[in-house]
Protein backbone atom coordinates (compact mmCIF):
# COMPACT_ATOMS: atom_id res chain seq x y z
CA MET A 1 143.17 85.20 -67.81
CA THR A 2 145.12 85.64 -64.72
CA THR A 3 147.46 88.66 -64.24
CA SER A 4 150.10 89.15 -61.68
CA SER A 5 149.92 92.11 -59.43
CA HIS A 6 153.66 92.65 -59.62
CA ALA A 7 155.35 94.32 -62.60
CA PRO A 8 158.25 92.30 -64.13
CA HIS A 9 161.69 93.25 -62.92
CA VAL A 10 163.66 95.20 -65.53
CA GLN A 11 167.64 95.47 -65.47
CA GLN A 12 168.63 99.05 -65.50
CA ASP A 13 172.03 99.64 -67.25
CA THR A 14 174.24 102.52 -66.48
CA PRO A 15 172.99 105.27 -68.81
CA ARG A 16 175.32 105.78 -71.88
CA MET A 17 175.71 108.83 -74.03
CA PRO A 18 173.63 108.08 -77.20
CA SER A 19 176.19 109.60 -79.48
CA ALA A 20 174.41 108.34 -82.53
CA VAL A 21 171.56 110.84 -81.71
CA PRO A 22 172.37 114.16 -83.24
CA LEU A 23 170.87 115.97 -80.06
CA PHE A 24 173.86 114.62 -78.06
CA TRP A 25 176.67 115.29 -80.55
CA PRO A 26 177.87 118.54 -78.91
CA MET A 27 178.24 116.76 -75.60
CA ALA A 28 180.32 113.95 -77.20
CA LEU A 29 182.55 116.52 -78.96
CA ALA A 30 183.00 118.53 -75.62
CA ALA A 31 183.97 115.35 -73.69
CA GLU A 32 186.64 114.44 -76.45
CA ALA A 33 187.90 118.01 -76.61
CA PHE A 34 188.33 117.88 -72.79
CA LYS A 35 190.31 114.74 -73.08
CA GLN A 36 192.60 116.14 -75.79
CA SER A 37 193.06 119.41 -73.86
CA GLN A 38 194.15 117.55 -70.77
CA GLN A 39 196.64 115.67 -72.90
CA LEU A 40 197.85 118.93 -74.45
CA VAL A 41 198.08 120.44 -70.89
CA ASP A 42 200.17 117.47 -69.73
CA LYS A 43 202.50 117.90 -72.90
CA ASN A 44 202.88 121.68 -72.34
CA LEU A 45 203.93 120.98 -68.72
CA ARG A 46 206.53 118.48 -69.85
CA PHE A 47 207.74 120.90 -72.36
CA LEU A 48 208.07 123.75 -69.94
CA GLU A 49 209.90 121.46 -67.40
CA GLU A 50 212.37 120.32 -70.17
CA GLU A 51 212.93 124.02 -71.40
CA ALA A 52 213.82 124.85 -67.83
CA ARG A 53 216.17 121.94 -67.51
CA LEU A 54 217.85 122.71 -70.84
CA HIS A 55 218.51 126.38 -69.85
CA ASP A 56 219.68 125.50 -66.33
CA LEU A 57 223.41 125.90 -66.50
CA HIS A 58 225.39 122.76 -65.64
CA HIS A 59 228.86 121.77 -66.77
CA PRO A 60 228.99 119.49 -69.72
CA ARG A 61 231.08 116.35 -69.52
CA MET A 62 233.36 114.39 -71.83
CA ALA A 63 231.64 111.39 -73.32
CA THR A 64 234.65 109.03 -73.38
CA ARG A 65 236.62 107.60 -70.45
CA ASN A 66 239.77 109.65 -69.83
CA THR A 67 242.33 110.57 -67.32
CA GLU A 68 243.81 113.97 -66.34
CA ARG A 69 247.40 113.92 -67.44
CA ILE A 70 248.47 117.42 -66.33
CA LYS A 71 246.58 120.57 -65.23
CA LEU A 72 247.90 123.90 -66.06
CA ARG A 73 246.59 127.42 -65.48
CA THR A 74 245.00 127.53 -69.03
CA LEU A 75 244.00 123.94 -69.56
CA THR A 76 243.53 120.36 -68.34
CA LEU A 77 245.19 117.83 -70.57
CA ARG A 78 242.75 114.80 -70.94
CA GLU A 79 244.44 111.45 -72.07
CA TYR A 80 242.63 108.70 -73.92
CA GLY A 81 243.79 105.26 -75.06
CA ARG A 82 247.22 103.73 -74.71
CA ALA A 83 250.31 105.87 -73.92
CA ASP A 84 252.52 103.30 -75.88
CA GLY A 85 250.41 103.80 -79.13
CA GLY A 86 253.05 105.51 -81.28
CA ILE A 87 253.13 109.26 -81.98
CA PRO A 88 250.49 110.80 -79.77
CA THR A 89 247.56 112.81 -81.41
CA LEU A 90 246.82 116.04 -79.60
CA VAL A 91 243.43 117.54 -80.51
CA VAL A 92 243.50 121.21 -79.82
CA ALA A 93 239.81 122.12 -79.23
CA PRO A 94 238.39 125.51 -80.09
CA TYR A 95 238.97 128.17 -77.48
CA ALA A 96 236.12 130.41 -78.62
CA GLY A 97 233.49 130.63 -75.89
CA HIS A 98 232.44 126.98 -75.48
CA THR A 99 233.99 124.03 -73.66
CA SER A 100 236.13 121.45 -75.25
CA VAL A 101 233.38 118.88 -74.96
CA ILE A 102 232.63 119.62 -78.71
CA ALA A 103 235.46 117.17 -79.42
CA ASP A 104 234.18 114.33 -77.12
CA TYR A 105 230.50 115.11 -77.34
CA TYR A 106 228.26 112.14 -77.04
CA PRO A 107 228.69 108.34 -77.12
CA GLY A 108 228.56 107.38 -80.73
CA GLN A 109 229.02 110.96 -81.69
CA SER A 110 232.43 111.86 -80.57
CA LEU A 111 235.52 112.87 -82.64
CA VAL A 112 237.79 111.45 -79.98
CA GLU A 113 235.97 108.16 -79.91
CA THR A 114 236.12 108.12 -83.70
CA LEU A 115 239.82 108.53 -83.69
CA LEU A 116 240.32 105.83 -81.10
CA SER A 117 238.09 103.43 -83.04
CA ASN A 118 239.97 103.93 -86.27
CA GLY A 119 243.57 103.17 -85.36
CA VAL A 120 244.73 106.16 -83.45
CA ALA A 121 245.73 104.46 -80.19
CA HIS A 122 246.82 107.50 -78.06
CA VAL A 123 244.64 110.63 -78.06
CA LEU A 124 245.02 113.79 -75.99
CA LEU A 125 242.61 116.71 -75.78
CA THR A 126 243.04 120.26 -74.52
CA ASP A 127 240.26 120.87 -72.07
CA TRP A 128 240.45 124.71 -71.99
CA HIS A 129 239.63 126.47 -68.71
CA SER A 130 237.11 129.31 -68.41
CA ALA A 131 239.26 132.41 -67.71
CA THR A 132 238.95 133.94 -64.18
CA GLU A 133 239.61 137.56 -63.30
CA ASP A 134 243.25 137.00 -62.50
CA MET A 135 243.70 135.62 -65.94
CA LYS A 136 242.42 138.72 -67.83
CA ASP A 137 245.82 139.78 -68.91
CA LEU A 138 246.93 136.53 -70.36
CA GLU A 139 248.11 136.71 -73.93
CA ILE A 140 248.16 134.34 -76.82
CA ASP A 141 251.81 133.61 -76.05
CA ASN A 142 250.81 132.24 -72.61
CA TYR A 143 248.56 129.72 -74.23
CA LEU A 144 251.31 128.66 -76.77
CA ALA A 145 253.67 128.44 -73.90
CA ASP A 146 251.46 126.00 -72.03
CA LEU A 147 250.97 124.02 -75.41
CA CYS A 148 254.71 123.65 -75.54
CA VAL A 149 254.64 122.17 -71.96
CA VAL A 150 251.89 119.81 -73.01
CA ILE A 151 253.78 118.55 -76.14
CA ASP A 152 257.06 118.10 -74.25
CA ASP A 153 255.27 116.23 -71.46
CA ILE A 154 253.82 113.68 -73.91
CA GLY A 155 257.25 113.06 -75.72
CA GLY A 156 258.04 116.28 -77.81
CA LEU A 157 256.54 115.04 -81.04
CA VAL A 158 252.86 115.00 -81.83
CA ASN A 159 250.18 114.87 -84.51
CA LEU A 160 248.17 118.01 -84.11
CA VAL A 161 244.37 118.19 -84.87
CA GLY A 162 243.32 121.75 -84.66
CA LEU A 163 239.57 122.50 -84.60
CA CYS A 164 238.36 125.99 -85.44
CA GLN A 165 240.21 128.44 -83.24
CA GLY A 166 242.41 125.61 -82.06
CA GLY A 167 243.48 125.40 -85.70
CA TRP A 168 245.34 128.83 -85.78
CA ILE A 169 246.84 128.01 -82.52
CA SER A 170 248.09 124.68 -83.93
CA ALA A 171 249.43 126.30 -87.04
CA MET A 172 251.33 128.77 -84.86
CA MET A 173 252.93 125.84 -82.96
CA ALA A 174 253.78 124.14 -86.19
CA ALA A 175 255.41 127.28 -87.65
CA ARG A 176 257.26 128.11 -84.42
CA PHE A 177 258.37 124.57 -83.62
CA PRO A 178 258.16 122.51 -86.85
CA ASP A 179 260.31 119.64 -85.18
CA LYS A 180 257.45 119.03 -82.70
CA VAL A 181 254.69 118.38 -85.20
CA ALA A 182 254.62 115.28 -87.31
CA ARG A 183 251.18 115.64 -88.98
CA LEU A 184 248.77 118.59 -88.94
CA VAL A 185 245.03 118.59 -89.42
CA LEU A 186 243.24 121.99 -89.70
CA ALA A 187 239.44 121.59 -89.48
CA GLY A 188 237.24 124.64 -89.93
CA SER A 189 240.32 126.83 -89.05
CA PRO A 190 240.62 130.51 -90.21
CA ILE A 191 244.22 130.36 -91.35
CA ASP A 192 243.75 132.98 -93.98
CA ALA A 193 241.05 135.09 -91.99
CA GLY A 194 241.00 137.81 -94.63
CA ALA A 195 239.72 135.44 -97.30
CA GLY A 196 236.13 135.20 -98.61
CA ASP A 197 233.23 137.26 -97.61
CA GLY A 198 231.42 135.26 -94.93
CA PRO A 199 229.11 136.71 -92.35
CA LEU A 200 231.74 136.52 -89.50
CA LYS A 201 234.27 138.20 -91.63
CA GLN A 202 231.86 140.89 -92.62
CA MET A 203 230.96 141.56 -89.01
CA VAL A 204 234.59 141.74 -87.89
CA ASP A 205 235.42 144.06 -90.89
CA ARG A 206 232.64 146.58 -90.20
CA THR A 207 232.71 146.63 -86.41
CA PRO A 208 235.42 148.89 -84.91
CA LEU A 209 237.90 147.57 -82.46
CA SER A 210 236.52 149.92 -79.88
CA PHE A 211 233.32 147.93 -79.80
CA TYR A 212 235.27 144.73 -78.76
CA GLU A 213 237.27 146.70 -76.20
CA ASP A 214 233.94 147.98 -74.77
CA LEU A 215 232.81 144.39 -74.43
CA VAL A 216 235.96 143.47 -72.49
CA ARG A 217 235.46 146.49 -70.34
CA ALA A 218 231.95 145.49 -69.60
CA GLY A 219 233.24 142.09 -68.66
CA ALA A 220 235.74 143.47 -66.07
CA GLY A 221 238.70 142.57 -68.37
CA LEU A 222 237.21 139.31 -69.66
CA MET A 223 235.45 138.51 -72.83
CA ARG A 224 232.36 136.96 -71.34
CA GLY A 225 231.11 133.77 -72.86
CA SER A 226 227.55 134.98 -72.28
CA PHE A 227 228.24 137.96 -74.62
CA MET A 228 229.52 135.72 -77.35
CA LEU A 229 226.64 133.16 -76.92
CA GLN A 230 224.22 135.99 -77.42
CA GLY A 231 225.99 137.11 -80.58
CA TRP A 232 226.08 133.52 -82.07
CA LYS A 233 222.27 133.14 -81.37
CA ASN A 234 221.69 136.49 -83.14
CA MET A 235 223.41 135.23 -86.33
CA HIS A 236 220.57 132.72 -86.70
CA PRO A 237 217.76 134.02 -84.56
CA ASP A 238 215.05 131.86 -86.23
CA GLU A 239 216.81 128.82 -85.27
CA HIS A 240 217.57 129.71 -81.77
CA TYR A 241 214.51 131.65 -80.75
CA PHE A 242 211.88 129.71 -82.57
CA THR A 243 212.73 126.49 -84.42
CA GLU A 244 214.54 124.78 -81.63
CA HIS A 245 211.58 125.36 -79.20
CA VAL A 246 209.09 124.16 -81.79
CA ASP A 247 211.28 120.97 -82.46
CA LEU A 248 211.40 120.27 -78.69
CA PHE A 249 207.69 120.47 -78.34
CA GLN A 250 207.08 118.16 -81.25
CA HIS A 251 209.54 115.48 -79.87
CA ILE A 252 208.84 116.04 -76.04
CA ASP A 253 207.69 112.41 -75.83
CA ASP A 254 210.88 110.98 -77.58
CA PRO A 255 213.36 110.25 -74.86
CA VAL A 256 216.26 109.63 -77.34
CA TYR A 257 215.65 113.20 -78.83
CA VAL A 258 215.23 114.73 -75.48
CA ALA A 259 218.46 113.06 -74.19
CA LYS A 260 220.45 114.60 -77.06
CA ARG A 261 218.91 117.91 -76.65
CA GLU A 262 219.96 117.93 -73.08
CA THR A 263 223.60 117.02 -74.01
CA PHE A 264 223.72 119.70 -76.72
CA ALA A 265 222.22 122.36 -74.31
CA ALA A 266 224.67 121.33 -71.56
CA TRP A 267 227.50 122.26 -73.97
CA TYR A 268 225.95 125.16 -76.06
CA GLU A 269 224.25 126.94 -73.06
CA THR A 270 227.44 126.75 -70.87
CA PRO A 271 229.87 129.30 -72.37
CA VAL A 272 233.32 129.92 -71.05
CA ASP A 273 235.08 133.31 -70.54
CA LEU A 274 238.27 134.36 -72.26
CA PRO A 275 241.05 136.59 -71.22
CA GLY A 276 240.33 140.03 -72.52
CA ARG A 277 243.92 140.71 -73.73
CA TRP A 278 243.89 137.26 -75.51
CA TYR A 279 240.60 138.04 -77.13
CA LEU A 280 241.65 141.47 -78.37
CA GLN A 281 244.81 140.09 -79.79
CA ALA A 282 242.88 137.65 -81.74
CA ILE A 283 240.41 140.07 -83.10
CA ARG A 284 243.02 142.63 -84.06
CA ASN A 285 246.03 140.53 -85.12
CA ILE A 286 244.26 137.32 -86.59
CA PHE A 287 240.84 138.45 -87.90
CA LYS A 288 241.25 142.21 -88.63
CA ASP A 289 244.91 142.53 -89.70
CA ASN A 290 245.34 138.85 -90.83
CA LEU A 291 248.98 138.90 -89.63
CA LEU A 292 249.32 135.03 -89.53
CA ALA A 293 248.54 134.68 -93.27
CA ARG A 294 250.61 137.62 -94.24
CA GLY A 295 253.70 136.27 -92.36
CA LYS A 296 253.82 139.13 -89.77
CA TYR A 297 252.57 137.55 -86.71
CA GLN A 298 255.14 137.37 -83.79
CA ALA A 299 254.81 134.57 -81.30
CA LEU A 300 257.20 133.54 -78.55
CA GLY A 301 259.89 135.88 -79.68
CA ARG A 302 259.85 134.93 -83.40
CA VAL A 303 257.92 136.25 -86.51
CA LEU A 304 256.08 133.30 -87.75
CA ASP A 305 256.33 132.10 -91.34
CA LEU A 306 253.84 129.41 -92.35
CA LYS A 307 256.35 128.34 -94.91
CA ASP A 308 258.24 126.75 -92.08
CA ILE A 309 255.40 124.23 -91.80
CA SER A 310 256.62 121.20 -93.83
CA CYS A 311 254.81 118.35 -92.37
CA PRO A 312 251.84 116.46 -94.14
CA LEU A 313 248.75 118.69 -93.96
CA TYR A 314 245.16 117.72 -94.03
CA LEU A 315 242.63 120.68 -94.58
CA LEU A 316 238.88 120.08 -93.84
CA ALA A 317 236.28 122.71 -94.66
CA GLY A 318 232.51 122.78 -94.44
CA GLU A 319 230.66 123.79 -97.69
CA ARG A 320 228.04 125.93 -95.78
CA ASP A 321 230.26 126.94 -92.96
CA ASP A 322 229.33 130.62 -92.23
CA ILE A 323 231.87 130.83 -89.26
CA THR A 324 234.99 129.80 -91.19
CA THR A 325 234.34 129.79 -94.95
CA PRO A 326 236.16 127.05 -96.97
CA GLU A 327 238.69 129.49 -98.48
CA GLN A 328 239.90 130.70 -95.17
CA VAL A 329 240.86 126.99 -94.51
CA LEU A 330 241.85 125.89 -97.91
CA ASN A 331 244.16 128.90 -98.65
CA ALA A 332 246.52 127.44 -96.14
CA ALA A 333 247.62 125.05 -98.90
CA ARG A 334 249.50 127.90 -100.62
CA LEU A 335 250.86 129.53 -97.42
CA VAL A 336 252.65 126.53 -96.10
CA GLY A 337 255.90 124.89 -97.01
CA THR A 338 254.38 121.37 -97.25
CA PRO A 339 254.79 120.04 -100.63
CA PRO A 340 251.45 119.92 -102.54
CA ALA A 341 251.54 116.09 -102.84
CA GLN A 342 251.43 115.85 -99.07
CA ILE A 343 248.38 118.07 -98.76
CA THR A 344 244.95 116.70 -98.68
CA GLN A 345 241.98 119.11 -99.10
CA ARG A 346 238.41 118.18 -98.36
CA VAL A 347 235.17 120.19 -98.47
CA VAL A 348 232.06 118.29 -96.96
CA PRO A 349 228.46 119.16 -96.89
CA GLY A 350 227.19 121.01 -93.85
CA GLY A 351 228.16 123.90 -91.56
CA HIS A 352 230.70 124.61 -88.88
CA ILE A 353 229.79 122.64 -85.85
CA GLY A 354 229.03 119.61 -88.03
CA LEU A 355 232.78 119.35 -88.94
CA PHE A 356 233.42 118.22 -85.36
CA MET A 357 230.35 116.59 -84.16
CA GLY A 358 228.12 115.95 -87.17
CA GLY A 359 227.16 112.25 -87.38
CA ARG A 360 227.73 112.12 -91.21
CA THR A 361 231.15 113.82 -91.03
CA LEU A 362 232.20 111.54 -88.11
CA ALA A 363 231.08 108.52 -89.91
CA ASP A 364 232.43 109.27 -93.35
CA VAL A 365 235.43 111.67 -93.00
CA TRP A 366 237.10 111.39 -89.62
CA PRO A 367 237.89 107.64 -89.93
CA GLN A 368 239.80 108.48 -93.16
CA ILE A 369 241.53 111.31 -91.23
CA ALA A 370 242.33 108.81 -88.50
CA ARG A 371 244.02 106.35 -90.96
CA TRP A 372 245.85 109.25 -92.49
CA LEU A 373 247.23 110.27 -89.08
CA VAL A 374 248.79 106.87 -88.48
CA ALA A 375 249.94 106.06 -91.99
CA PRO A 376 253.61 105.56 -92.36
């Protein structure tokens, strides 16, 4: 028998981890854990970068194409749609520490866009300016006077849509100049600020006026938006200091979610300052003493009587609104002079901000309001 002096060639494969052998299980687990840890590190880095971007102040922008019709000291009037589209609809945005972007927030989630898409051909929006130091002594009358200029500039007769604090300003205009207002919408508007027992009312009632005066003094004569932003966050600390960060981390790989969060942060985290005199007048006369509902508020040289409002009226309230509780809105029905048959009252699910930018309310309620605005 003949044998070869050379051993046969054996192909040597790259060594593989024999994970089926118990001895090597810890090594396999360690390798997998390292892989997952690296993915977690990457996710954490994306989360931190996005958190920084969300809290980096930048000016929010209107979602819908518009033009600047006029620019006054207190506001820029933004114009949408066709100027020949019948009675103009003027949306009076809240002037309460955030920009007017709340009314034209996001494509597909915009009150202005909804009105335009449902028959309101000509929409205008008050884009309130952040107060500068030279505006610290402006009063509510100054803002009403500028609103008069706006209304006269667009023809002298408008439908008014008042959102939140823009609602009591709109009610003042309708009471002071009833011939200038064809129809009036009050959404989340504290017309009877003394009604109910909501968290905001409790806070105003138990906090002395001197506290608000101290805030204005600390703001060099202005009510700083940053002060108000901190107060709003403290009303729901679990949401703003914990839940929103957890939600962002869980959805950091969802570009649609992240884009919407960035849009919201651009609005919410960019507060505007208010004139100190204006702010203290509102706290004392509207919220503490409830003078507007009591028929004792004086504006532009006249004591206002809500009974002078006789135009068709639409009242919209949020069922879980803890800023303006439903009764503060709906009580307007018994304070105005509009016949009951021409008053529409609607309470919808959800909270305060959802009244103006919530997807469900924009889809279900505001199209009806739009058709109501253009009805004969």
